[in-house]
Amino acid sequence: MLYRKPIFDEVRLLLGRGFTTAEVAALDHAIDKALGDVTAPVFTAPLLSLGAAGQALIRKWEGCARRRPDGMIEAYPDPGSRDGTPWTIGWGSTGPDVGPGTVWSQAQCDARFDAALVRYAQEVIAALGDTETSQGQFDALVSFHYNTGAIAKATLTKLHRQGRHAEAAAQFGKWIYNDGKVMEGLKRRRAEEAALYATA
């Protein structure tokens, strides 16, 4: 099997941006075709993109809090951690550019959210490999990864790849802690993600 990362890295450099999920699938298909691998199977997971249900679930739980009277949105400390990190703004955005005093417009929050959804969906696709995955499962896994960043190491990913879906669904309920404390909001979010994962 061809090691494709150098090809993807070069095309990403030429484009000056990351890929959409559709572009990842198209590039994979083009490589297979160029290699003459006409028997290469077409798998479900790389062709998926985040659906409306997944985006709605993420928006619901991330919210876009701390709107000021002037309409701008300010960063806030993590309410569940001892030291307040990571600082968050908009739709759950974190990073080295977000901290005390960070203020964004709604347009900035929305643009960061849209870009993050593409990145997190790509990371879920990479973690799933060629595993057959329904839309509900994919949406739930992207929501889980958006909140935890743990799709590559989570046991639920391993179980999903093995086709052990009932066991994978039960794993959502284990990700409800912040600094060793059970968070009621995380319990409810994980329950909704598990329910979405279980939809046909």
Protein backbone atom coordinates (compact mmCIF):
# COMPACT_ATOMS: atom_id res chain seq x y z
CA MET A 1 0.00 0.00 0.00
CA LEU A 2 1.34 3.43 -0.97
CA TYR A 3 2.29 5.72 1.91
CA ARG A 4 0.20 8.77 1.02
CA LYS A 5 1.07 11.36 3.65
CA PRO A 6 3.82 13.05 1.55
CA ILE A 7 1.35 13.43 -1.32
CA PHE A 8 -1.32 14.95 0.90
CA ASP A 9 1.25 17.22 2.55
CA GLU A 10 2.46 18.52 -0.81
CA VAL A 11 -1.05 19.19 -2.14
CA ARG A 12 -1.98 20.88 1.14
CA LEU A 13 1.08 23.12 0.76
CA LEU A 14 0.15 23.99 -2.82
CA LEU A 15 -3.42 24.81 -1.83
CA GLY A 16 -2.35 26.79 1.21
CA ARG A 17 -5.08 25.21 3.33
CA GLY A 18 -6.42 21.94 4.66
CA PHE A 19 -8.74 19.58 2.81
CA THR A 20 -12.49 19.17 2.95
CA THR A 21 -13.72 15.64 3.57
CA ALA A 22 -14.85 15.41 -0.05
CA GLU A 23 -11.37 16.45 -1.25
CA VAL A 24 -9.73 13.77 0.90
CA ALA A 25 -11.96 11.12 -0.71
CA ALA A 26 -11.35 12.51 -4.21
CA LEU A 27 -7.57 12.57 -3.77
CA ASP A 28 -7.55 9.03 -2.40
CA HIS A 29 -9.61 7.88 -5.38
CA ALA A 30 -7.29 9.66 -7.83
CA ILE A 31 -4.24 7.96 -6.27
CA ASP A 32 -5.92 4.55 -6.49
CA LYS A 33 -6.83 5.20 -10.12
CA ALA A 34 -3.30 6.35 -10.99
CA LEU A 35 -1.93 3.15 -9.48
CA GLY A 36 -4.35 1.11 -11.54
CA ASP A 37 -6.02 -0.30 -8.45
CA VAL A 38 -9.45 -0.66 -10.02
CA THR A 39 -10.42 -3.21 -7.39
CA ALA A 40 -9.85 -0.80 -4.48
CA PRO A 41 -13.03 -0.82 -2.41
CA VAL A 42 -14.96 2.34 -1.77
CA PHE A 43 -15.47 2.68 1.99
CA THR A 44 -18.12 4.63 3.81
CA ALA A 45 -16.11 6.59 6.33
CA PRO A 46 -13.91 8.71 4.01
CA LEU A 47 -16.99 9.79 2.03
CA LEU A 48 -18.80 11.11 5.09
CA SER A 49 -18.96 14.72 6.16
CA LEU A 50 -20.50 16.16 9.30
CA GLY A 51 -24.28 16.17 9.01
CA ALA A 52 -26.86 18.63 10.27
CA ALA A 53 -27.59 16.56 13.39
CA GLY A 54 -23.94 16.50 14.38
CA GLN A 55 -23.45 20.20 13.82
CA ALA A 56 -26.61 21.01 15.78
CA LEU A 57 -25.47 18.84 18.68
CA ILE A 58 -22.06 20.53 18.82
CA ARG A 59 -23.60 24.00 18.60
CA LYS A 60 -26.05 23.16 21.38
CA TRP A 61 -23.40 22.01 23.82
CA GLU A 62 -20.64 24.45 22.94
CA GLY A 63 -22.91 27.48 22.79
CA CYS A 64 -21.55 30.89 21.94
CA ALA A 65 -21.40 32.42 25.41
CA ARG A 66 -20.16 35.63 26.99
CA ARG A 67 -21.71 38.09 24.56
CA ARG A 68 -21.09 41.66 25.65
CA PRO A 69 -23.60 44.53 25.32
CA ASP A 70 -21.67 45.77 22.25
CA GLY A 71 -22.24 42.42 20.52
CA MET A 72 -18.64 41.26 20.81
CA ILE A 73 -17.85 37.91 22.44
CA GLU A 74 -15.20 37.51 25.12
CA ALA A 75 -13.14 34.54 26.27
CA TYR A 76 -13.84 32.77 29.56
CA PRO A 77 -11.96 30.25 31.73
CA ASP A 78 -12.89 26.57 31.73
CA PRO A 79 -15.50 26.30 34.52
CA GLY A 80 -14.55 22.71 35.31
CA SER A 81 -10.79 22.99 35.72
CA ARG A 82 -8.91 24.11 38.80
CA ASP A 83 -6.77 26.67 37.00
CA GLY A 84 -9.34 27.84 34.44
CA THR A 85 -7.49 26.39 31.45
CA PRO A 86 -8.07 26.14 28.64
CA TRP A 87 -9.59 29.56 28.05
CA THR A 88 -12.45 29.31 25.57
CA ILE A 89 -14.28 31.64 23.21
CA GLY A 90 -17.20 31.39 20.80
CA TRP A 91 -18.22 27.86 19.85
CA GLY A 92 -15.77 26.14 22.19
CA SER A 93 -12.65 27.50 20.48
CA THR A 94 -9.38 27.21 22.37
CA GLY A 95 -5.73 27.66 21.49
CA PRO A 96 -2.67 29.82 22.08
CA ASP A 97 -4.50 32.85 20.70
CA VAL A 98 -7.32 32.56 23.28
CA GLY A 99 -6.86 33.81 26.83
CA PRO A 100 -7.88 36.50 29.31
CA GLY A 101 -8.93 39.62 27.42
CA THR A 102 -9.51 37.89 24.06
CA VAL A 103 -12.52 39.40 22.28
CA TRP A 104 -13.93 38.28 18.90
CA SER A 105 -16.83 39.29 16.70
CA GLN A 106 -19.61 36.82 15.93
CA ALA A 107 -18.17 36.45 12.42
CA GLN A 108 -14.78 35.50 13.87
CA CYS A 109 -16.40 32.93 16.16
CA ASP A 110 -18.39 31.42 13.29
CA ALA A 111 -15.38 31.28 10.95
CA ARG A 112 -13.24 29.55 13.59
CA PHE A 113 -16.05 27.07 14.25
CA ASP A 114 -16.50 26.22 10.57
CA ALA A 115 -12.77 25.64 10.11
CA ALA A 116 -12.59 23.54 13.27
CA LEU A 117 -15.47 21.32 12.13
CA VAL A 118 -13.60 20.48 8.93
CA ARG A 119 -10.41 19.69 10.85
CA TYR A 120 -12.11 17.55 13.48
CA ALA A 121 -14.09 15.65 10.85
CA GLN A 122 -10.85 14.89 8.96
CA GLU A 123 -9.22 13.65 12.16
CA VAL A 124 -12.17 11.34 12.82
CA ILE A 125 -11.94 9.99 9.27
CA ALA A 126 -8.23 9.34 9.78
CA ALA A 127 -8.92 7.53 13.06
CA LEU A 128 -11.66 5.36 11.55
CA GLY A 129 -9.65 4.32 8.51
CA ASP A 130 -11.71 2.06 6.26
CA THR A 131 -14.31 1.21 8.90
CA GLU A 132 -17.90 1.27 7.68
CA THR A 133 -19.62 4.08 9.56
CA SER A 134 -23.18 5.43 9.48
CA GLN A 135 -23.96 9.14 9.38
CA GLY A 136 -25.25 9.08 12.95
CA GLN A 137 -22.14 7.32 14.18
CA PHE A 138 -19.89 9.74 12.35
CA ASP A 139 -21.73 12.81 13.66
CA ALA A 140 -21.57 11.51 17.23
CA LEU A 141 -17.86 10.75 16.95
CA VAL A 142 -17.08 14.22 15.57
CA SER A 143 -19.00 15.81 18.45
CA PHE A 144 -17.12 13.60 20.92
CA HIS A 145 -13.77 14.49 19.35
CA TYR A 146 -14.59 18.21 19.18
CA ASN A 147 -15.15 18.18 22.94
CA THR A 148 -12.40 15.76 24.04
CA GLY A 149 -9.78 15.72 21.28
CA ALA A 150 -9.42 12.03 22.06
CA ILE A 151 -10.64 10.20 18.96
CA ALA A 152 -7.20 8.69 18.21
CA LYS A 153 -6.75 7.15 21.68
CA ALA A 154 -10.27 6.43 22.92
CA THR A 155 -11.33 2.83 23.51
CA LEU A 156 -14.64 3.64 21.86
CA THR A 157 -12.79 4.26 18.57
CA LYS A 158 -11.09 0.86 18.82
CA LEU A 159 -14.41 -0.83 19.54
CA HIS A 160 -16.09 0.97 16.65
CA ARG A 161 -13.36 -0.15 14.27
CA GLN A 162 -13.97 -3.71 15.44
CA GLY A 163 -17.68 -3.39 14.69
CA ARG A 164 -18.58 -3.70 18.39
CA HIS A 165 -21.05 -0.84 18.24
CA ALA A 166 -23.06 -1.52 21.40
CA GLU A 167 -19.86 -1.59 23.44
CA ALA A 168 -18.60 1.54 21.70
CA ALA A 169 -21.84 3.37 22.49
CA ALA A 170 -21.43 2.49 26.18
CA GLN A 171 -17.97 4.10 26.16
CA PHE A 172 -19.38 7.61 25.68
CA GLY A 173 -20.57 7.56 29.29
CA LYS A 174 -17.01 7.17 30.57
CA TRP A 175 -15.98 10.63 29.29
CA ILE A 176 -17.80 12.74 31.88
CA TYR A 177 -14.95 13.95 34.09
CA ASN A 178 -13.04 17.21 34.31
CA ASP A 179 -10.18 17.37 36.80
CA GLY A 180 -11.49 14.15 38.34
CA LYS A 181 -14.99 15.51 38.91
CA VAL A 182 -18.17 14.32 37.23
CA MET A 183 -19.67 17.16 35.18
CA GLU A 184 -23.45 17.03 34.78
CA GLY A 185 -23.23 18.85 31.46
CA LEU A 186 -20.78 16.26 30.14
CA LYS A 187 -23.09 13.44 31.30
CA ARG A 188 -25.96 14.90 29.31
CA ARG A 189 -23.81 15.59 26.25
CA ARG A 190 -22.36 12.07 26.23
CA ALA A 191 -25.88 10.63 26.53
CA GLU A 192 -26.99 12.61 23.48
CA GLU A 193 -23.88 11.57 21.54
CA ALA A 194 -24.49 7.90 22.43
CA ALA A 195 -28.11 8.21 21.28
CA LEU A 196 -27.03 9.80 17.98
CA TYR A 197 -24.39 7.09 17.53
CA ALA A 198 -27.09 4.45 17.92
CA THR A 199 -29.40 5.91 15.23
CA ALA A 200 -29.73 3.97 11.98
